[in-house]
Structure formats: C-alpha cells, structure tokens
ModelCIF file with pLDDT and N, C-alpha, C, O atoms, coordinates in Angstrom:
data_MODEL
#
_entry.id   MODEL 
#
_entity.id                         1 
_entity.type                       polymer 
_entity.pdbx_number_of_molecules   1 
#
_entity_poly.entity_id                      1 
_entity_poly.type                           'polypeptide(L)' 
_entity_poly.nstd_linkage                   no 
_entity_poly.nstd_monomer                   no 
_entity_poly.pdbx_seq_one_letter_code       
;(UNK)(UNK)(UNK)(UNK)(UNK)(UNK)(UNK)(UNK)(UNK)(UNK)(UNK)(UNK)(UNK)(UNK)(UNK)(UNK)
(UNK)(UNK)(UNK)(UNK)(UNK)(UNK)(UNK)(UNK)(UNK)(UNK)(UNK)(UNK)(UNK)(UNK)(UNK)(UNK)
(UNK)(UNK)(UNK)(UNK)(UNK)(UNK)(UNK)(UNK)(UNK)(UNK)(UNK)(UNK)(UNK)(UNK)
;
_entity_poly.pdbx_seq_one_letter_code_can   XXXXXXXXXXXXXXXXXXXXXXXXXXXXXXXXXXXXXXXXXXXXXX 
_entity_poly.pdbx_strand_id                 A 
#
loop_
_entity_poly_seq.entity_id 
_entity_poly_seq.num 
_entity_poly_seq.mon_id 
_entity_poly_seq.hetero 
1 1  UNK n 
1 2  UNK n 
1 3  UNK n 
1 4  UNK n 
1 5  UNK n 
1 6  UNK n 
1 7  UNK n 
1 8  UNK n 
1 9  UNK n 
1 10 UNK n 
1 11 UNK n 
1 12 UNK n 
1 13 UNK n 
1 14 UNK n 
1 15 UNK n 
1 16 UNK n 
1 17 UNK n 
1 18 UNK n 
1 19 UNK n 
1 20 UNK n 
1 21 UNK n 
1 22 UNK n 
1 23 UNK n 
1 24 UNK n 
1 25 UNK n 
1 26 UNK n 
1 27 UNK n 
1 28 UNK n 
1 29 UNK n 
1 30 UNK n 
1 31 UNK n 
1 32 UNK n 
1 33 UNK n 
1 34 UNK n 
1 35 UNK n 
1 36 UNK n 
1 37 UNK n 
1 38 UNK n 
1 39 UNK n 
1 40 UNK n 
1 41 UNK n 
1 42 UNK n 
1 43 UNK n 
1 44 UNK n 
1 45 UNK n 
1 46 UNK n 
#
_struct_asym.id          A 
_struct_asym.entity_id   1 
#
loop_
_ma_qa_metric.id 
_ma_qa_metric.mode 
_ma_qa_metric.name 
_ma_qa_metric.software_group_id 
_ma_qa_metric.type 
1 global pLDDT . pLDDT 
2 local  pLDDT . pLDDT 
#
_ma_qa_metric_global.metric_id      1 
_ma_qa_metric_global.metric_value   94.52 
_ma_qa_metric_global.model_id       1 
_ma_qa_metric_global.ordinal_id     1 
#
loop_
_ma_qa_metric_local.label_asym_id 
_ma_qa_metric_local.label_comp_id 
_ma_qa_metric_local.label_seq_id 
_ma_qa_metric_local.metric_id 
_ma_qa_metric_local.metric_value 
_ma_qa_metric_local.model_id 
_ma_qa_metric_local.ordinal_id 
A UNK 1  2 95.00 1 1  
A UNK 2  2 96.00 1 2  
A UNK 3  2 94.00 1 3  
A UNK 4  2 94.00 1 4  
A UNK 5  2 95.00 1 5  
A UNK 6  2 92.00 1 6  
A UNK 7  2 89.00 1 7  
A UNK 8  2 92.00 1 8  
A UNK 9  2 95.00 1 9  
A UNK 10 2 96.00 1 10 
A UNK 11 2 98.00 1 11 
A UNK 12 2 98.00 1 12 
A UNK 13 2 97.00 1 13 
A UNK 14 2 97.00 1 14 
A UNK 15 2 94.00 1 15 
A UNK 16 2 94.00 1 16 
A UNK 17 2 94.00 1 17 
A UNK 18 2 92.00 1 18 
A UNK 19 2 90.00 1 19 
A UNK 20 2 89.00 1 20 
A UNK 21 2 90.00 1 21 
A UNK 22 2 89.00 1 22 
A UNK 23 2 87.00 1 23 
A UNK 24 2 86.00 1 24 
A UNK 25 2 91.00 1 25 
A UNK 26 2 94.00 1 26 
A UNK 27 2 94.00 1 27 
A UNK 28 2 94.00 1 28 
A UNK 29 2 95.00 1 29 
A UNK 30 2 96.00 1 30 
A UNK 31 2 96.00 1 31 
A UNK 32 2 96.00 1 32 
A UNK 33 2 97.00 1 33 
A UNK 34 2 97.00 1 34 
A UNK 35 2 97.00 1 35 
A UNK 36 2 97.00 1 36 
A UNK 37 2 97.00 1 37 
A UNK 38 2 96.00 1 38 
A UNK 39 2 97.00 1 39 
A UNK 40 2 96.00 1 40 
A UNK 41 2 96.00 1 41 
A UNK 42 2 98.00 1 42 
A UNK 43 2 98.00 1 43 
A UNK 44 2 98.00 1 44 
A UNK 45 2 98.00 1 45 
A UNK 46 2 97.00 1 46 
#
loop_
_atom_site.group_PDB 
_atom_site.id 
_atom_site.type_symbol 
_atom_site.label_atom_id 
_atom_site.label_alt_id 
_atom_site.label_comp_id 
_atom_site.label_asym_id 
_atom_site.label_entity_id 
_atom_site.label_seq_id 
_atom_site.pdbx_PDB_ins_code 
_atom_site.Cartn_x 
_atom_site.Cartn_y 
_atom_site.Cartn_z 
_atom_site.occupancy 
_atom_site.B_iso_or_equiv 
_atom_site.pdbx_formal_charge 
_atom_site.auth_seq_id 
_atom_site.auth_comp_id 
_atom_site.auth_asym_id 
_atom_site.auth_atom_id 
_atom_site.pdbx_PDB_model_num 
ATOM 1   N N  . UNK A 1 1  ? -0.380  -2.411  -7.257  1.00 95.00 ? 1  UNK A N  1 
ATOM 2   C CA . UNK A 1 1  ? 0.244   -1.474  -5.866  1.00 95.00 ? 1  UNK A CA 1 
ATOM 3   C C  . UNK A 1 1  ? 1.707   -1.602  -6.638  1.00 95.00 ? 1  UNK A C  1 
ATOM 4   O O  . UNK A 1 1  ? 2.182   -0.485  -6.845  1.00 95.00 ? 1  UNK A O  1 
ATOM 5   N N  . UNK A 1 2  ? 2.332   -2.423  -6.997  1.00 96.00 ? 2  UNK A N  1 
ATOM 6   C CA . UNK A 1 2  ? 3.560   -2.376  -7.971  1.00 96.00 ? 2  UNK A CA 1 
ATOM 7   C C  . UNK A 1 2  ? 3.922   -1.400  -9.058  1.00 96.00 ? 2  UNK A C  1 
ATOM 8   O O  . UNK A 1 2  ? 5.079   -1.050  -9.288  1.00 96.00 ? 2  UNK A O  1 
ATOM 9   N N  . UNK A 1 3  ? 3.032   -1.052  -9.606  1.00 94.00 ? 3  UNK A N  1 
ATOM 10  C CA . UNK A 1 3  ? 2.663   0.140   -10.749 1.00 94.00 ? 3  UNK A CA 1 
ATOM 11  C C  . UNK A 1 3  ? 3.062   0.948   -10.603 1.00 94.00 ? 3  UNK A C  1 
ATOM 12  O O  . UNK A 1 3  ? 3.932   1.514   -11.266 1.00 94.00 ? 3  UNK A O  1 
ATOM 13  N N  . UNK A 1 4  ? 2.163   1.487   -8.992  1.00 94.00 ? 4  UNK A N  1 
ATOM 14  C CA . UNK A 1 4  ? 2.257   2.398   -8.468  1.00 94.00 ? 4  UNK A CA 1 
ATOM 15  C C  . UNK A 1 4  ? 3.652   3.178   -8.459  1.00 94.00 ? 4  UNK A C  1 
ATOM 16  O O  . UNK A 1 4  ? 4.178   4.190   -8.924  1.00 94.00 ? 4  UNK A O  1 
ATOM 17  N N  . UNK A 1 5  ? 3.995   1.782   -7.422  1.00 95.00 ? 5  UNK A N  1 
ATOM 18  C CA . UNK A 1 5  ? 5.916   2.109   -6.859  1.00 95.00 ? 5  UNK A CA 1 
ATOM 19  C C  . UNK A 1 5  ? 6.470   2.333   -7.761  1.00 95.00 ? 5  UNK A C  1 
ATOM 20  O O  . UNK A 1 5  ? 7.253   3.269   -7.595  1.00 95.00 ? 5  UNK A O  1 
ATOM 21  N N  . UNK A 1 6  ? 6.468   1.724   -9.175  1.00 92.00 ? 6  UNK A N  1 
ATOM 22  C CA . UNK A 1 6  ? 7.413   1.851   -10.101 1.00 92.00 ? 6  UNK A CA 1 
ATOM 23  C C  . UNK A 1 6  ? 7.750   3.145   -10.591 1.00 92.00 ? 6  UNK A C  1 
ATOM 24  O O  . UNK A 1 6  ? 8.826   3.254   -11.178 1.00 92.00 ? 6  UNK A O  1 
ATOM 25  N N  . UNK A 1 7  ? 6.754   4.512   -10.403 1.00 89.00 ? 7  UNK A N  1 
ATOM 26  C CA . UNK A 1 7  ? 6.620   5.684   -10.391 1.00 89.00 ? 7  UNK A CA 1 
ATOM 27  C C  . UNK A 1 7  ? 7.369   6.647   -9.297  1.00 89.00 ? 7  UNK A C  1 
ATOM 28  O O  . UNK A 1 7  ? 7.546   7.848   -9.091  1.00 89.00 ? 7  UNK A O  1 
ATOM 29  N N  . UNK A 1 8  ? 7.613   5.715   -8.874  1.00 92.00 ? 8  UNK A N  1 
ATOM 30  C CA . UNK A 1 8  ? 8.866   6.436   -7.588  1.00 92.00 ? 8  UNK A CA 1 
ATOM 31  C C  . UNK A 1 8  ? 8.009   8.215   -6.820  1.00 92.00 ? 8  UNK A C  1 
ATOM 32  O O  . UNK A 1 8  ? 8.244   9.418   -6.705  1.00 92.00 ? 8  UNK A O  1 
ATOM 33  N N  . UNK A 1 9  ? 6.900   7.104   -6.483  1.00 95.00 ? 9  UNK A N  1 
ATOM 34  C CA . UNK A 1 9  ? 6.312   8.015   -5.784  1.00 95.00 ? 9  UNK A CA 1 
ATOM 35  C C  . UNK A 1 9  ? 6.586   8.884   -4.275  1.00 95.00 ? 9  UNK A C  1 
ATOM 36  O O  . UNK A 1 9  ? 6.993   8.288   -3.278  1.00 95.00 ? 9  UNK A O  1 
ATOM 37  N N  . UNK A 1 10 ? 6.344   10.136  -4.281  1.00 96.00 ? 10 UNK A N  1 
ATOM 38  C CA . UNK A 1 10 ? 6.582   10.580  -2.415  1.00 96.00 ? 10 UNK A CA 1 
ATOM 39  C C  . UNK A 1 10 ? 5.282   10.438  -1.583  1.00 96.00 ? 10 UNK A C  1 
ATOM 40  O O  . UNK A 1 10 ? 5.281   10.333  -0.357  1.00 96.00 ? 10 UNK A O  1 
ATOM 41  N N  . UNK A 1 11 ? 4.131   10.445  -2.392  1.00 98.00 ? 11 UNK A N  1 
ATOM 42  C CA . UNK A 1 11 ? 2.571   10.591  -1.957  1.00 98.00 ? 11 UNK A CA 1 
ATOM 43  C C  . UNK A 1 11 ? 2.194   9.119   -2.746  1.00 98.00 ? 11 UNK A C  1 
ATOM 44  O O  . UNK A 1 11 ? 2.390   8.920   -3.945  1.00 98.00 ? 11 UNK A O  1 
ATOM 45  N N  . UNK A 1 12 ? 1.652   8.211   -1.858  1.00 98.00 ? 12 UNK A N  1 
ATOM 46  C CA . UNK A 1 12 ? 0.660   7.307   -2.481  1.00 98.00 ? 12 UNK A CA 1 
ATOM 47  C C  . UNK A 1 12 ? -0.608  7.483   -2.531  1.00 98.00 ? 12 UNK A C  1 
ATOM 48  O O  . UNK A 1 12 ? -0.997  7.072   -1.438  1.00 98.00 ? 12 UNK A O  1 
ATOM 49  N N  . UNK A 1 13 ? -1.852  7.979   -3.350  1.00 97.00 ? 13 UNK A N  1 
ATOM 50  C CA . UNK A 1 13 ? -2.998  7.605   -2.787  1.00 97.00 ? 13 UNK A CA 1 
ATOM 51  C C  . UNK A 1 13 ? -3.820  6.116   -3.316  1.00 97.00 ? 13 UNK A C  1 
ATOM 52  O O  . UNK A 1 13 ? -4.112  6.112   -4.512  1.00 97.00 ? 13 UNK A O  1 
ATOM 53  N N  . UNK A 1 14 ? -4.181  4.950   -2.561  1.00 97.00 ? 14 UNK A N  1 
ATOM 54  C CA . UNK A 1 14 ? -4.898  4.010   -2.322  1.00 97.00 ? 14 UNK A CA 1 
ATOM 55  C C  . UNK A 1 14 ? -6.418  4.163   -2.194  1.00 97.00 ? 14 UNK A C  1 
ATOM 56  O O  . UNK A 1 14 ? -6.985  5.175   -1.781  1.00 97.00 ? 14 UNK A O  1 
ATOM 57  N N  . UNK A 1 15 ? -6.958  3.121   -2.570  1.00 94.00 ? 15 UNK A N  1 
ATOM 58  C CA . UNK A 1 15 ? -8.418  3.744   -2.981  1.00 94.00 ? 15 UNK A CA 1 
ATOM 59  C C  . UNK A 1 15 ? -9.115  2.449   -2.544  1.00 94.00 ? 15 UNK A C  1 
ATOM 60  O O  . UNK A 1 15 ? -9.559  1.817   -3.503  1.00 94.00 ? 15 UNK A O  1 
ATOM 61  N N  . UNK A 1 16 ? -9.341  1.849   -1.250  1.00 94.00 ? 16 UNK A N  1 
ATOM 62  C CA . UNK A 1 16 ? -9.603  0.477   -0.841  1.00 94.00 ? 16 UNK A CA 1 
ATOM 63  C C  . UNK A 1 16 ? -9.093  -0.498  -0.941  1.00 94.00 ? 16 UNK A C  1 
ATOM 64  O O  . UNK A 1 16 ? -9.589  -1.597  -1.191  1.00 94.00 ? 16 UNK A O  1 
ATOM 65  N N  . UNK A 1 17 ? -7.688  -0.122  -0.696  1.00 94.00 ? 17 UNK A N  1 
ATOM 66  C CA . UNK A 1 17 ? -6.582  -1.097  -0.900  1.00 94.00 ? 17 UNK A CA 1 
ATOM 67  C C  . UNK A 1 17 ? -6.715  -2.755  0.247   1.00 94.00 ? 17 UNK A C  1 
ATOM 68  O O  . UNK A 1 17 ? -5.776  -3.511  0.496   1.00 94.00 ? 17 UNK A O  1 
ATOM 69  N N  . UNK A 1 18 ? -7.937  -2.876  0.662   1.00 92.00 ? 18 UNK A N  1 
ATOM 70  C CA . UNK A 1 18 ? -8.327  -4.508  1.394   1.00 92.00 ? 18 UNK A CA 1 
ATOM 71  C C  . UNK A 1 18 ? -9.812  -4.495  0.818   1.00 92.00 ? 18 UNK A C  1 
ATOM 72  O O  . UNK A 1 18 ? -10.617 -5.319  1.252   1.00 92.00 ? 18 UNK A O  1 
ATOM 73  N N  . UNK A 1 19 ? -10.233 -3.455  -0.272  1.00 90.00 ? 19 UNK A N  1 
ATOM 74  C CA . UNK A 1 19 ? -11.591 -4.382  -0.422  1.00 90.00 ? 19 UNK A CA 1 
ATOM 75  C C  . UNK A 1 19 ? -11.650 -4.975  -1.091  1.00 90.00 ? 19 UNK A C  1 
ATOM 76  O O  . UNK A 1 19 ? -10.877 -4.700  -2.009  1.00 90.00 ? 19 UNK A O  1 
ATOM 77  N N  . UNK A 1 20 ? -12.561 -6.322  -1.330  1.00 89.00 ? 20 UNK A N  1 
ATOM 78  C CA . UNK A 1 20 ? -12.894 -7.451  -2.553  1.00 89.00 ? 20 UNK A CA 1 
ATOM 79  C C  . UNK A 1 20 ? -11.811 -8.402  -1.925  1.00 89.00 ? 20 UNK A C  1 
ATOM 80  O O  . UNK A 1 20 ? -11.706 -9.452  -2.558  1.00 89.00 ? 20 UNK A O  1 
ATOM 81  N N  . UNK A 1 21 ? -10.991 -8.294  -0.848  1.00 90.00 ? 21 UNK A N  1 
ATOM 82  C CA . UNK A 1 21 ? -10.267 -9.858  -0.736  1.00 90.00 ? 21 UNK A CA 1 
ATOM 83  C C  . UNK A 1 21 ? -10.722 -10.128 0.834   1.00 90.00 ? 21 UNK A C  1 
ATOM 84  O O  . UNK A 1 21 ? -11.681 -9.790  1.528   1.00 90.00 ? 21 UNK A O  1 
ATOM 85  N N  . UNK A 1 22 ? -9.611  -10.860 1.009   1.00 89.00 ? 22 UNK A N  1 
ATOM 86  C CA . UNK A 1 22 ? -10.295 -12.363 1.831   1.00 89.00 ? 22 UNK A CA 1 
ATOM 87  C C  . UNK A 1 22 ? -9.511  -11.617 3.552   1.00 89.00 ? 22 UNK A C  1 
ATOM 88  O O  . UNK A 1 22 ? -8.584  -10.874 3.876   1.00 89.00 ? 22 UNK A O  1 
ATOM 89  N N  . UNK A 1 23 ? -10.228 -12.136 3.986   1.00 87.00 ? 23 UNK A N  1 
ATOM 90  C CA . UNK A 1 23 ? -10.267 -11.895 5.731   1.00 87.00 ? 23 UNK A CA 1 
ATOM 91  C C  . UNK A 1 23 ? -8.547  -12.417 5.968   1.00 87.00 ? 23 UNK A C  1 
ATOM 92  O O  . UNK A 1 23 ? -8.005  -11.547 6.649   1.00 87.00 ? 23 UNK A O  1 
ATOM 93  N N  . UNK A 1 24 ? -8.037  -12.996 5.791   1.00 86.00 ? 24 UNK A N  1 
ATOM 94  C CA . UNK A 1 24 ? -6.700  -13.262 5.763   1.00 86.00 ? 24 UNK A CA 1 
ATOM 95  C C  . UNK A 1 24 ? -5.587  -12.821 5.020   1.00 86.00 ? 24 UNK A C  1 
ATOM 96  O O  . UNK A 1 24 ? -4.417  -13.083 5.301   1.00 86.00 ? 24 UNK A O  1 
ATOM 97  N N  . UNK A 1 25 ? -6.224  -11.712 3.452   1.00 91.00 ? 25 UNK A N  1 
ATOM 98  C CA . UNK A 1 25 ? -4.978  -10.972 2.852   1.00 91.00 ? 25 UNK A CA 1 
ATOM 99  C C  . UNK A 1 25 ? -5.327  -10.044 3.919   1.00 91.00 ? 25 UNK A C  1 
ATOM 100 O O  . UNK A 1 25 ? -4.493  -9.140  3.966   1.00 91.00 ? 25 UNK A O  1 
ATOM 101 N N  . UNK A 1 26 ? -5.970  -9.961  4.532   1.00 94.00 ? 26 UNK A N  1 
ATOM 102 C CA . UNK A 1 26 ? -5.663  -7.896  4.994   1.00 94.00 ? 26 UNK A CA 1 
ATOM 103 C C  . UNK A 1 26 ? -4.749  -7.871  5.758   1.00 94.00 ? 26 UNK A C  1 
ATOM 104 O O  . UNK A 1 26 ? -3.718  -7.200  5.741   1.00 94.00 ? 26 UNK A O  1 
ATOM 105 N N  . UNK A 1 27 ? -5.066  -8.513  6.359   1.00 94.00 ? 27 UNK A N  1 
ATOM 106 C CA . UNK A 1 27 ? -3.632  -8.604  7.053   1.00 94.00 ? 27 UNK A CA 1 
ATOM 107 C C  . UNK A 1 27 ? -1.760  -8.052  6.830   1.00 94.00 ? 27 UNK A C  1 
ATOM 108 O O  . UNK A 1 27 ? -0.943  -7.352  7.430   1.00 94.00 ? 27 UNK A O  1 
ATOM 109 N N  . UNK A 1 28 ? -1.842  -9.073  5.324   1.00 94.00 ? 28 UNK A N  1 
ATOM 110 C CA . UNK A 1 28 ? -0.888  -9.044  4.930   1.00 94.00 ? 28 UNK A CA 1 
ATOM 111 C C  . UNK A 1 28 ? -1.068  -7.605  3.510   1.00 94.00 ? 28 UNK A C  1 
ATOM 112 O O  . UNK A 1 28 ? -0.090  -7.260  2.846   1.00 94.00 ? 28 UNK A O  1 
ATOM 113 N N  . UNK A 1 29 ? -1.572  -7.382  3.441   1.00 95.00 ? 29 UNK A N  1 
ATOM 114 C CA . UNK A 1 29 ? -2.063  -5.863  2.190   1.00 95.00 ? 29 UNK A CA 1 
ATOM 115 C C  . UNK A 1 29 ? -1.272  -5.095  3.328   1.00 95.00 ? 29 UNK A C  1 
ATOM 116 O O  . UNK A 1 29 ? -0.142  -4.682  3.064   1.00 95.00 ? 29 UNK A O  1 
ATOM 117 N N  . UNK A 1 30 ? -1.851  -4.874  4.657   1.00 96.00 ? 30 UNK A N  1 
ATOM 118 C CA . UNK A 1 30 ? -1.981  -3.618  6.386   1.00 96.00 ? 30 UNK A CA 1 
ATOM 119 C C  . UNK A 1 30 ? -0.125  -4.136  6.159   1.00 96.00 ? 30 UNK A C  1 
ATOM 120 O O  . UNK A 1 30 ? 0.259   -3.477  5.193   1.00 96.00 ? 30 UNK A O  1 
ATOM 121 N N  . UNK A 1 31 ? 0.717   -4.766  6.529   1.00 96.00 ? 31 UNK A N  1 
ATOM 122 C CA . UNK A 1 31 ? 1.870   -5.399  6.295   1.00 96.00 ? 31 UNK A CA 1 
ATOM 123 C C  . UNK A 1 31 ? 2.522   -4.522  5.223   1.00 96.00 ? 31 UNK A C  1 
ATOM 124 O O  . UNK A 1 31 ? 3.141   -3.555  5.666   1.00 96.00 ? 31 UNK A O  1 
ATOM 125 N N  . UNK A 1 32 ? 2.496   -4.685  3.875   1.00 96.00 ? 32 UNK A N  1 
ATOM 126 C CA . UNK A 1 32 ? 2.723   -4.523  3.289   1.00 96.00 ? 32 UNK A CA 1 
ATOM 127 C C  . UNK A 1 32 ? 2.624   -3.001  2.857   1.00 96.00 ? 32 UNK A C  1 
ATOM 128 O O  . UNK A 1 32 ? 3.457   -2.475  2.119   1.00 96.00 ? 32 UNK A O  1 
ATOM 129 N N  . UNK A 1 33 ? 1.633   -2.410  3.334   1.00 97.00 ? 33 UNK A N  1 
ATOM 130 C CA . UNK A 1 33 ? 1.556   -0.834  3.146   1.00 97.00 ? 33 UNK A CA 1 
ATOM 131 C C  . UNK A 1 33 ? 2.652   -0.400  4.340   1.00 97.00 ? 33 UNK A C  1 
ATOM 132 O O  . UNK A 1 33 ? 3.539   0.454   4.341   1.00 97.00 ? 33 UNK A O  1 
ATOM 133 N N  . UNK A 1 34 ? 2.374   -0.994  4.970   1.00 97.00 ? 34 UNK A N  1 
ATOM 134 C CA . UNK A 1 34 ? 3.281   0.183   6.206   1.00 97.00 ? 34 UNK A CA 1 
ATOM 135 C C  . UNK A 1 34 ? 4.922   -0.619  5.497   1.00 97.00 ? 34 UNK A C  1 
ATOM 136 O O  . UNK A 1 34 ? 5.613   0.277   5.011   1.00 97.00 ? 34 UNK A O  1 
ATOM 137 N N  . UNK A 1 35 ? 5.145   -1.083  5.455   1.00 97.00 ? 35 UNK A N  1 
ATOM 138 C CA . UNK A 1 35 ? 6.634   -1.378  4.146   1.00 97.00 ? 35 UNK A CA 1 
ATOM 139 C C  . UNK A 1 35 ? 6.955   -0.465  3.565   1.00 97.00 ? 35 UNK A C  1 
ATOM 140 O O  . UNK A 1 35 ? 7.986   0.184   3.740   1.00 97.00 ? 35 UNK A O  1 
ATOM 141 N N  . UNK A 1 36 ? 5.874   -0.228  2.565   1.00 97.00 ? 36 UNK A N  1 
ATOM 142 C CA . UNK A 1 36 ? 5.668   0.799   1.962   1.00 97.00 ? 36 UNK A CA 1 
ATOM 143 C C  . UNK A 1 36 ? 6.094   2.136   2.329   1.00 97.00 ? 36 UNK A C  1 
ATOM 144 O O  . UNK A 1 36 ? 6.746   2.903   1.621   1.00 97.00 ? 36 UNK A O  1 
ATOM 145 N N  . UNK A 1 37 ? 5.641   2.350   3.558   1.00 97.00 ? 37 UNK A N  1 
ATOM 146 C CA . UNK A 1 37 ? 5.292   2.931   4.191   1.00 97.00 ? 37 UNK A CA 1 
ATOM 147 C C  . UNK A 1 37 ? 6.995   3.236   4.197   1.00 97.00 ? 37 UNK A C  1 
ATOM 148 O O  . UNK A 1 37 ? 7.445   4.026   3.367   1.00 97.00 ? 37 UNK A O  1 
ATOM 149 N N  . UNK A 1 38 ? 8.108   2.411   5.406   1.00 96.00 ? 38 UNK A N  1 
ATOM 150 C CA . UNK A 1 38 ? 8.848   3.004   6.273   1.00 96.00 ? 38 UNK A CA 1 
ATOM 151 C C  . UNK A 1 38 ? 9.792   2.378   5.527   1.00 96.00 ? 38 UNK A C  1 
ATOM 152 O O  . UNK A 1 38 ? 10.771  2.570   6.248   1.00 96.00 ? 38 UNK A O  1 
ATOM 153 N N  . UNK A 1 39 ? 10.203  1.749   4.570   1.00 97.00 ? 39 UNK A N  1 
ATOM 154 C CA . UNK A 1 39 ? 10.628  1.267   3.585   1.00 97.00 ? 39 UNK A CA 1 
ATOM 155 C C  . UNK A 1 39 ? 10.896  1.755   2.680   1.00 97.00 ? 39 UNK A C  1 
ATOM 156 O O  . UNK A 1 39 ? 12.064  2.130   2.579   1.00 97.00 ? 39 UNK A O  1 
ATOM 157 N N  . UNK A 1 40 ? 10.183  1.941   1.834   1.00 96.00 ? 40 UNK A N  1 
ATOM 158 C CA . UNK A 1 40 ? 10.417  3.095   0.726   1.00 96.00 ? 40 UNK A CA 1 
ATOM 159 C C  . UNK A 1 40 ? 10.511  4.414   0.574   1.00 96.00 ? 40 UNK A C  1 
ATOM 160 O O  . UNK A 1 40 ? 10.917  5.142   -0.331  1.00 96.00 ? 40 UNK A O  1 
ATOM 161 N N  . UNK A 1 41 ? 9.865   4.655   2.086   1.00 96.00 ? 41 UNK A N  1 
ATOM 162 C CA . UNK A 1 41 ? 10.047  6.457   2.269   1.00 96.00 ? 41 UNK A CA 1 
ATOM 163 C C  . UNK A 1 41 ? 8.982   6.973   1.744   1.00 96.00 ? 41 UNK A C  1 
ATOM 164 O O  . UNK A 1 41 ? 9.412   7.702   0.851   1.00 96.00 ? 41 UNK A O  1 
ATOM 165 N N  . UNK A 1 42 ? 7.496   7.054   1.762   1.00 98.00 ? 42 UNK A N  1 
ATOM 166 C CA . UNK A 1 42 ? 6.433   6.746   0.854   1.00 98.00 ? 42 UNK A CA 1 
ATOM 167 C C  . UNK A 1 42 ? 5.459   7.218   2.266   1.00 98.00 ? 42 UNK A C  1 
ATOM 168 O O  . UNK A 1 42 ? 5.409   6.501   3.265   1.00 98.00 ? 42 UNK A O  1 
ATOM 169 N N  . UNK A 1 43 ? 4.733   8.499   2.157   1.00 98.00 ? 43 UNK A N  1 
ATOM 170 C CA . UNK A 1 43 ? 3.653   9.371   2.124   1.00 98.00 ? 43 UNK A CA 1 
ATOM 171 C C  . UNK A 1 43 ? 2.735   8.282   1.983   1.00 98.00 ? 43 UNK A C  1 
ATOM 172 O O  . UNK A 1 43 ? 2.959   7.749   0.896   1.00 98.00 ? 43 UNK A O  1 
ATOM 173 N N  . UNK A 1 44 ? 1.740   7.673   2.630   1.00 98.00 ? 44 UNK A N  1 
ATOM 174 C CA . UNK A 1 44 ? 0.327   7.391   2.015   1.00 98.00 ? 44 UNK A CA 1 
ATOM 175 C C  . UNK A 1 44 ? -0.682  8.708   2.452   1.00 98.00 ? 44 UNK A C  1 
ATOM 176 O O  . UNK A 1 44 ? -0.588  9.651   3.237   1.00 98.00 ? 44 UNK A O  1 
ATOM 177 N N  . UNK A 1 45 ? -1.726  8.197   1.450   1.00 98.00 ? 45 UNK A N  1 
ATOM 178 C CA . UNK A 1 45 ? -3.034  8.971   1.983   1.00 98.00 ? 45 UNK A CA 1 
ATOM 179 C C  . UNK A 1 45 ? -4.534  7.399   1.292   1.00 98.00 ? 45 UNK A C  1 
ATOM 180 O O  . UNK A 1 45 ? -4.931  7.151   0.154   1.00 98.00 ? 45 UNK A O  1 
ATOM 181 N N  . UNK A 1 46 ? -4.857  6.823   2.508   1.00 97.00 ? 46 UNK A N  1 
ATOM 182 C CA . UNK A 1 46 ? -5.964  5.634   1.982   1.00 97.00 ? 46 UNK A CA 1 
ATOM 183 C C  . UNK A 1 46 ? -7.556  5.678   1.661   1.00 97.00 ? 46 UNK A C  1 
ATOM 184 O O  . UNK A 1 46 ? -8.138  4.661   1.286   1.00 97.00 ? 46 UNK A O  1 
#
C-alpha cells in the first residue's frame, strides 16, 4: 500500500485489501483506507 501511495495516485485500486488478514487487522485496514481517502485526497476503487 505504501508503495502504491509513493507514486502519488489520484485513483487507488485495492484488490482485496482485507483478504488473508486476521479479524483484528481488518478494522485497522479499513481505518487506513479511510485516512488515505480523507487525508491524501485519493479516490479509491476496491
């Protein structure tokens, strides 16, 4: 995810960002995607 963000995208495509991680980690990833959208002004398609 950091690698994708380093390219300064306007549109970020996330292919199963919650796949293969624990239930506890899912909430953290959701919060991170929301921060990317809100703080970095990135449109997201997942």
